[in-house]
Structures are given as C-alpha cells and as structure tokens.
Amino acid sequence: MDCPPTLYTSRLILTPLQLTDAVAVQQLFPQWEVVRYLDSRVPWPYPQDGGLVYVRDMALPAMAAGREWHWMIRTLAQPERSIGSISLYDQPGNHRGFWLAPQYQGNGYMREACKVINAYWFDTLLRPVMQVPKAVANHASRKVSQHEGMRMIETREGRFVSGAMQVEVWEMTRSEWLAARTES
C-alpha cells in the first residue's frame, strides 16, 4: 500500500510515520500523562528502545500491509519538532488512536488533527463507520469525540496501563460525518 500523505490544518502538519520518528516517540511518549489510559499492551515502564521497537517492528510493517496509518503531529510554527501522534487502524471496534505530549495538551490540537484524519478515513479510505474505544476516565479524549458528534454505543471492561476500568466505545457513521461536515 502507498504511504499515507502528509496532511495539513491551519496550525498543524501531520507527517507519515518514518523510522527516524522513533527518536521523537522515545522522547515524548513515555510519560504517565500520555500512557495511563492506553491499552495495557503498552509496556510500562517504557523500555529504552520502546520507540524504535514500536515504529520498526509494529507500526511500519502494519502501514506497509495497509492495516494501519500513522502520522506524527507537528506544528506549522515548529515543523521539525513532533508533539504527538495520531493513527487509524483497520481493526473492528478500534479505528483511531492518538496521543499528545502533555505540554501541548489543551490547545485544541487534537480536535484539529482528528478533523483531517476523519476526512482521510471517510473520504479516502471510504470507511462506513469509525469506532473509537477509550478509558472511561479519559475525559479529554471523550471531549474530542463529543465535539465531533460521536455517540457512545457500548461500555465494557478493559485493561489499561493504569489498571482495569470501563472502556467506552464511541461511534460515528460516514453519513453522520458527512451531515456534520455540511452543517459547519
């Protein structure tokens, strides 16, 4: 499968994940504020080669197979510096995930990134539905989904880096996304 394109918003550049991004992942990712609500498959404490292993052995092969699409998030003001990551997954019930370094949270960057990523999911990949699971305690992530017009469709038990808690699954169909896009 072709490499996903670089995507732009008014303040951000989303660049397709590359092996060289492993250094930024290793620097930004292993922070409790970033990992606590992620799936328990994320190793914690994060190993010293965790960024390299993830990018080289998991994310890039999944991208090459056309099962996942990963971007690093950068600001237009500092395009050489990554501030987080956003991904799409061809997995039932889990289509999008993201993280942002704590010092960049609360600025609306993730809402902005999600807008172009959702467009890629629905317009380019032509997917009929987007489902996004999240820890019930992840209020910031819930606000992103609510802002997008998603609705919660289910709760179930889950295991996160911070321990066991309920998972909320949020959903938006392509037709709902198209209707919301024309309204704005």
C-alpha atoms as a PDB file:
ATOM      1  CA  MET A   1       0.000   0.000   0.000  1.00  0.00           C
ATOM      2  CA  ASP A   2       1.128   3.552  -0.680  1.00  0.00           C
ATOM      3  CA  CYS A   3       2.465   5.698   2.122  1.00  0.00           C
ATOM      4  CA  PRO A   4      -0.254   7.963   3.533  1.00  0.00           C
ATOM      5  CA  PRO A   5       0.027  11.616   2.502  1.00  0.00           C
ATOM      6  CA  THR A   6       1.217  14.495   4.609  1.00  0.00           C
ATOM      7  CA  LEU A   7      -1.875  16.283   5.912  1.00  0.00           C
ATOM      8  CA  TYR A   8      -2.245  19.946   6.841  1.00  0.00           C
ATOM      9  CA  THR A   9      -4.521  22.010   9.064  1.00  0.00           C
ATOM     10  CA  SER A  10      -4.387  25.706   9.860  1.00  0.00           C
ATOM     11  CA  ARG A  11      -1.815  25.060  12.632  1.00  0.00           C
ATOM     12  CA  LEU A  12      -0.528  21.521  12.108  1.00  0.00           C
ATOM     13  CA  ILE A  13       1.380  19.255   9.765  1.00  0.00           C
ATOM     14  CA  LEU A  14       0.699  15.524  10.054  1.00  0.00           C
ATOM     15  CA  THR A  15       3.609  13.614   8.545  1.00  0.00           C
ATOM     16  CA  PRO A  16       3.511   9.873   7.799  1.00  0.00           C
ATOM     17  CA  LEU A  17       5.424   7.894  10.405  1.00  0.00           C
ATOM     18  CA  GLN A  18       9.012   7.053   9.455  1.00  0.00           C
ATOM     19  CA  LEU A  19      11.765   5.104  11.176  1.00  0.00           C
ATOM     20  CA  THR A  20      13.514   8.364  12.072  1.00  0.00           C
ATOM     21  CA  ASP A  21      10.453   9.312  14.180  1.00  0.00           C
ATOM     22  CA  ALA A  22      11.369   6.611  16.707  1.00  0.00           C
ATOM     23  CA  VAL A  23      13.649   9.108  18.476  1.00  0.00           C
ATOM     24  CA  ALA A  24      10.778  11.590  18.989  1.00  0.00           C
ATOM     25  CA  VAL A  25       8.453   8.798  20.117  1.00  0.00           C
ATOM     26  CA  GLN A  26      11.044   7.700  22.679  1.00  0.00           C
ATOM     27  CA  GLN A  27      11.449  11.272  23.969  1.00  0.00           C
ATOM     28  CA  LEU A  28       7.754  12.259  24.137  1.00  0.00           C
ATOM     29  CA  PHE A  29       5.750   9.078  24.691  1.00  0.00           C
ATOM     30  CA  PRO A  30       6.988   7.556  27.982  1.00  0.00           C
ATOM     31  CA  GLN A  31       5.148   9.941  30.286  1.00  0.00           C
ATOM     32  CA  TRP A  32       2.412   8.840  32.670  1.00  0.00           C
ATOM     33  CA  GLU A  33       0.057  11.570  31.370  1.00  0.00           C
ATOM     34  CA  VAL A  34       0.400  10.064  27.878  1.00  0.00           C
ATOM     35  CA  VAL A  35       0.272   6.328  28.587  1.00  0.00           C
ATOM     36  CA  ARG A  36      -2.014   5.870  31.597  1.00  0.00           C
ATOM     37  CA  TYR A  37      -5.214   5.460  29.529  1.00  0.00           C
ATOM     38  CA  LEU A  38      -3.645   3.402  26.745  1.00  0.00           C
ATOM     39  CA  ASP A  39      -4.180  -0.331  26.336  1.00  0.00           C
ATOM     40  CA  SER A  40      -2.219  -2.497  28.761  1.00  0.00           C
ATOM     41  CA  ARG A  41      -0.246  -3.897  25.801  1.00  0.00           C
ATOM     42  CA  VAL A  42       1.869  -0.734  26.025  1.00  0.00           C
ATOM     43  CA  PRO A  43       4.886  -1.741  28.140  1.00  0.00           C
ATOM     44  CA  TRP A  44       5.303   0.235  31.349  1.00  0.00           C
ATOM     45  CA  PRO A  45       7.808   1.299  32.454  1.00  0.00           C
ATOM     46  CA  TYR A  46       8.573   2.073  28.817  1.00  0.00           C
ATOM     47  CA  PRO A  47      11.788   0.364  27.671  1.00  0.00           C
ATOM     48  CA  GLN A  48      14.750   2.430  26.441  1.00  0.00           C
ATOM     49  CA  ASP A  49      14.268   1.017  22.938  1.00  0.00           C
ATOM     50  CA  GLY A  50      10.451   1.127  23.079  1.00  0.00           C
ATOM     51  CA  GLY A  51      10.076   3.828  20.422  1.00  0.00           C
ATOM     52  CA  LEU A  52      12.350   2.019  17.977  1.00  0.00           C
ATOM     53  CA  VAL A  53      10.726  -1.375  18.565  1.00  0.00           C
ATOM     54  CA  TYR A  54       7.236   0.086  18.158  1.00  0.00           C
ATOM     55  CA  VAL A  55       7.981   2.063  14.985  1.00  0.00           C
ATOM     56  CA  ARG A  56      10.257  -0.511  13.291  1.00  0.00           C
ATOM     57  CA  ASP A  57       8.591  -3.774  14.309  1.00  0.00           C
ATOM     58  CA  MET A  58       4.911  -2.879  14.707  1.00  0.00           C
ATOM     59  CA  ALA A  59       3.728   0.381  13.130  1.00  0.00           C
ATOM     60  CA  LEU A  60       5.762   0.455   9.890  1.00  0.00           C
ATOM     61  CA  PRO A  61       5.012  -3.198   8.979  1.00  0.00           C
ATOM     62  CA  ALA A  62       1.282  -2.593   9.649  1.00  0.00           C
ATOM     63  CA  MET A  63       1.422   0.503   7.420  1.00  0.00           C
ATOM     64  CA  ALA A  64       3.168  -1.468   4.667  1.00  0.00           C
ATOM     65  CA  ALA A  65       0.438  -4.124   4.912  1.00  0.00           C
ATOM     66  CA  GLY A  66      -2.314  -1.484   4.603  1.00  0.00           C
ATOM     67  CA  ARG A  67      -3.789  -2.282   8.052  1.00  0.00           C
ATOM     68  CA  GLU A  68      -2.740   0.896   9.851  1.00  0.00           C
ATOM     69  CA  TRP A  69      -1.971   4.533   9.037  1.00  0.00           C
ATOM     70  CA  HIS A  70       0.250   6.532  11.421  1.00  0.00           C
ATOM     71  CA  TRP A  71       1.185  10.196  11.443  1.00  0.00           C
ATOM     72  CA  MET A  72       3.389  12.326  13.664  1.00  0.00           C
ATOM     73  CA  ILE A  73       1.818  15.636  14.657  1.00  0.00           C
ATOM     74  CA  ARG A  74       3.906  18.787  14.218  1.00  0.00           C
ATOM     75  CA  THR A  75       3.052  22.467  14.452  1.00  0.00           C
ATOM     76  CA  LEU A  76       3.464  24.765  11.468  1.00  0.00           C
ATOM     77  CA  ALA A  77       5.421  27.074  13.769  1.00  0.00           C
ATOM     78  CA  GLN A  78       7.978  24.324  14.533  1.00  0.00           C
ATOM     79  CA  PRO A  79       7.686  21.695  11.778  1.00  0.00           C
ATOM     80  CA  GLU A  80      10.925  19.984  12.783  1.00  0.00           C
ATOM     81  CA  ARG A  81       9.506  19.036  16.211  1.00  0.00           C
ATOM     82  CA  SER A  82       6.910  16.306  16.803  1.00  0.00           C
ATOM     83  CA  ILE A  83       4.344  16.921  19.528  1.00  0.00           C
ATOM     84  CA  GLY A  84       2.348  13.676  19.324  1.00  0.00           C
ATOM     85  CA  SER A  85       0.905  11.054  17.055  1.00  0.00           C
ATOM     86  CA  ILE A  86      -2.425  10.043  15.539  1.00  0.00           C
ATOM     87  CA  SER A  87      -3.283   6.727  13.906  1.00  0.00           C
ATOM     88  CA  LEU A  88      -6.006   4.871  12.062  1.00  0.00           C
ATOM     89  CA  TYR A  89      -6.492   1.110  12.408  1.00  0.00           C
ATOM     90  CA  ASP A  90      -8.315  -1.437  10.307  1.00  0.00           C
ATOM     91  CA  GLN A  91      -9.465  -3.282  13.454  1.00  0.00           C
ATOM     92  CA  PRO A  92     -13.093  -3.991  14.350  1.00  0.00           C
ATOM     93  CA  GLY A  93     -14.167  -1.614  17.111  1.00  0.00           C
ATOM     94  CA  ASN A  94     -10.855   0.300  17.183  1.00  0.00           C
ATOM     95  CA  HIS A  95     -10.312   2.689  14.287  1.00  0.00           C
ATOM     96  CA  ARG A  96      -8.448   5.682  15.700  1.00  0.00           C
ATOM     97  CA  GLY A  97      -5.969   6.425  18.445  1.00  0.00           C
ATOM     98  CA  PHE A  98      -3.857   9.408  19.411  1.00  0.00           C
ATOM     99  CA  TRP A  99      -1.539  10.876  21.983  1.00  0.00           C
ATOM    100  CA  LEU A 100      -0.116  14.316  22.581  1.00  0.00           C
ATOM    101  CA  ALA A 101       2.814  15.361  24.768  1.00  0.00           C
ATOM    102  CA  PRO A 102       1.412  16.940  27.953  1.00  0.00           C
ATOM    103  CA  GLN A 103       2.894  20.396  27.321  1.00  0.00           C
ATOM    104  CA  TYR A 104       0.837  20.639  24.092  1.00  0.00           C
ATOM    105  CA  GLN A 105      -2.473  19.440  25.519  1.00  0.00           C
ATOM    106  CA  GLY A 106      -5.384  21.828  25.982  1.00  0.00           C
ATOM    107  CA  ASN A 107      -4.724  23.868  22.828  1.00  0.00           C
ATOM    108  CA  GLY A 108      -7.240  22.199  20.501  1.00  0.00           C
ATOM    109  CA  TYR A 109      -4.503  20.453  18.511  1.00  0.00           C
ATOM    110  CA  MET A 110      -6.096  17.022  18.755  1.00  0.00           C
ATOM    111  CA  ARG A 111      -9.506  18.243  17.592  1.00  0.00           C
ATOM    112  CA  GLU A 112      -7.756  19.832  14.625  1.00  0.00           C
ATOM    113  CA  ALA A 113      -5.774  16.678  13.849  1.00  0.00           C
ATOM    114  CA  CYS A 114      -8.867  14.480  14.169  1.00  0.00           C
ATOM    115  CA  LYS A 115     -10.719  16.597  11.618  1.00  0.00           C
ATOM    116  CA  VAL A 116      -8.262  15.791   8.803  1.00  0.00           C
ATOM    117  CA  ILE A 117      -7.754  12.202   9.980  1.00  0.00           C
ATOM    118  CA  ASN A 118     -11.508  11.608   9.958  1.00  0.00           C
ATOM    119  CA  ALA A 119     -11.651  13.025   6.435  1.00  0.00           C
ATOM    120  CA  TYR A 120      -8.927  10.578   5.408  1.00  0.00           C
ATOM    121  CA  TRP A 121     -10.884   7.686   6.997  1.00  0.00           C
ATOM    122  CA  PHE A 122     -14.216   8.563   5.412  1.00  0.00           C
ATOM    123  CA  ASP A 123     -13.235  10.288   2.130  1.00  0.00           C
ATOM    124  CA  THR A 124     -10.031   8.494   1.116  1.00  0.00           C
ATOM    125  CA  LEU A 125     -10.427   5.065   2.714  1.00  0.00           C
ATOM    126  CA  LEU A 126     -14.236   5.194   2.253  1.00  0.00           C
ATOM    127  CA  ARG A 127     -14.962   3.505   5.572  1.00  0.00           C
ATOM    128  CA  PRO A 128     -18.623   3.334   6.639  1.00  0.00           C
ATOM    129  CA  VAL A 129     -18.093   3.801  10.375  1.00  0.00           C
ATOM    130  CA  MET A 130     -15.486   4.966  12.867  1.00  0.00           C
ATOM    131  CA  GLN A 131     -15.413   3.404  16.317  1.00  0.00           C
ATOM    132  CA  VAL A 132     -13.070   4.713  18.982  1.00  0.00           C
ATOM    133  CA  PRO A 133     -12.584   2.948  22.336  1.00  0.00           C
ATOM    134  CA  LYS A 134     -11.356   4.911  25.332  1.00  0.00           C
ATOM    135  CA  ALA A 135     -10.928   4.558  29.074  1.00  0.00           C
ATOM    136  CA  VAL A 136     -13.938   5.922  30.949  1.00  0.00           C
ATOM    137  CA  ALA A 137     -11.590   8.152  32.985  1.00  0.00           C
ATOM    138  CA  ASN A 138     -10.084   9.731  29.853  1.00  0.00           C
ATOM    139  CA  HIS A 139     -12.215  12.879  29.954  1.00  0.00           C
ATOM    140  CA  ALA A 140     -10.081  14.830  27.464  1.00  0.00           C
ATOM    141  CA  SER A 141     -10.448  12.112  24.830  1.00  0.00           C
ATOM    142  CA  ARG A 142     -14.188  11.887  25.480  1.00  0.00           C
ATOM    143  CA  LYS A 143     -14.490  15.639  24.857  1.00  0.00           C
ATOM    144  CA  VAL A 144     -12.835  15.208  21.454  1.00  0.00           C
ATOM    145  CA  SER A 145     -15.359  12.512  20.489  1.00  0.00           C
ATOM    146  CA  GLN A 146     -18.294  14.555  21.790  1.00  0.00           C
ATOM    147  CA  HIS A 147     -17.098  17.618  19.879  1.00  0.00           C
ATOM    148  CA  GLU A 148     -17.006  15.525  16.687  1.00  0.00           C
ATOM    149  CA  GLY A 149     -20.617  14.434  17.180  1.00  0.00           C
ATOM    150  CA  MET A 150     -19.799  10.835  18.077  1.00  0.00           C
ATOM    151  CA  ARG A 151     -22.090   8.901  20.353  1.00  0.00           C
ATOM    152  CA  MET A 152     -21.233   6.262  22.937  1.00  0.00           C
ATOM    153  CA  ILE A 153     -22.524   2.873  21.834  1.00  0.00           C
ATOM    154  CA  GLU A 154     -21.167   0.489  24.464  1.00  0.00           C
ATOM    155  CA  THR A 155     -19.207   0.063  27.672  1.00  0.00           C
ATOM    156  CA  ARG A 156     -17.215  -2.990  28.672  1.00  0.00           C
ATOM    157  CA  GLU A 157     -14.325  -3.992  30.887  1.00  0.00           C
ATOM    158  CA  GLY A 158     -10.848  -3.017  29.757  1.00  0.00           C
ATOM    159  CA  ARG A 159      -7.215  -3.161  30.846  1.00  0.00           C
ATOM    160  CA  PHE A 160      -5.066  -0.081  30.628  1.00  0.00           C
ATOM    161  CA  VAL A 161      -1.546   0.848  31.649  1.00  0.00           C
ATOM    162  CA  SER A 162      -3.110   2.384  34.791  1.00  0.00           C
ATOM    163  CA  GLY A 163      -5.167  -0.759  35.511  1.00  0.00           C
ATOM    164  CA  ALA A 164      -8.624  -2.182  34.928  1.00  0.00           C
ATOM    165  CA  MET A 165     -11.523   0.171  34.180  1.00  0.00           C
ATOM    166  CA  GLN A 166     -14.505   0.516  31.894  1.00  0.00           C
ATOM    167  CA  VAL A 167     -13.994   1.144  28.185  1.00  0.00           C
ATOM    168  CA  GLU A 168     -16.412   3.408  26.334  1.00  0.00           C
ATOM    169  CA  VAL A 169     -16.785   2.826  22.599  1.00  0.00           C
ATOM    170  CA  TRP A 170     -17.704   5.965  20.649  1.00  0.00           C
ATOM    171  CA  GLU A 171     -19.038   5.815  17.100  1.00  0.00           C
ATOM    172  CA  MET A 172     -19.777   7.972  14.088  1.00  0.00           C
ATOM    173  CA  THR A 173     -21.033   6.724  10.732  1.00  0.00           C
ATOM    174  CA  ARG A 174     -19.862   8.113   7.423  1.00  0.00           C
ATOM    175  CA  SER A 175     -23.326   9.574   6.768  1.00  0.00           C
ATOM    176  CA  GLU A 176     -23.318  11.283  10.194  1.00  0.00           C
ATOM    177  CA  TRP A 177     -19.852  12.657   9.496  1.00  0.00           C
ATOM    178  CA  LEU A 178     -20.892  13.943   6.077  1.00  0.00           C
ATOM    179  CA  ALA A 179     -24.013  15.596   7.528  1.00  0.00           C
ATOM    180  CA  ALA A 180     -21.999  17.281  10.302  1.00  0.00           C
ATOM    181  CA  ARG A 181     -19.395  18.467   7.799  1.00  0.00           C
ATOM    182  CA  THR A 182     -22.012  20.151   5.603  1.00  0.00           C
ATOM    183  CA  GLU A 183     -23.596  21.846   8.624  1.00  0.00           C
ATOM    184  CA  SER A 184     -20.328  23.521   9.657  1.00  0.00           C
END
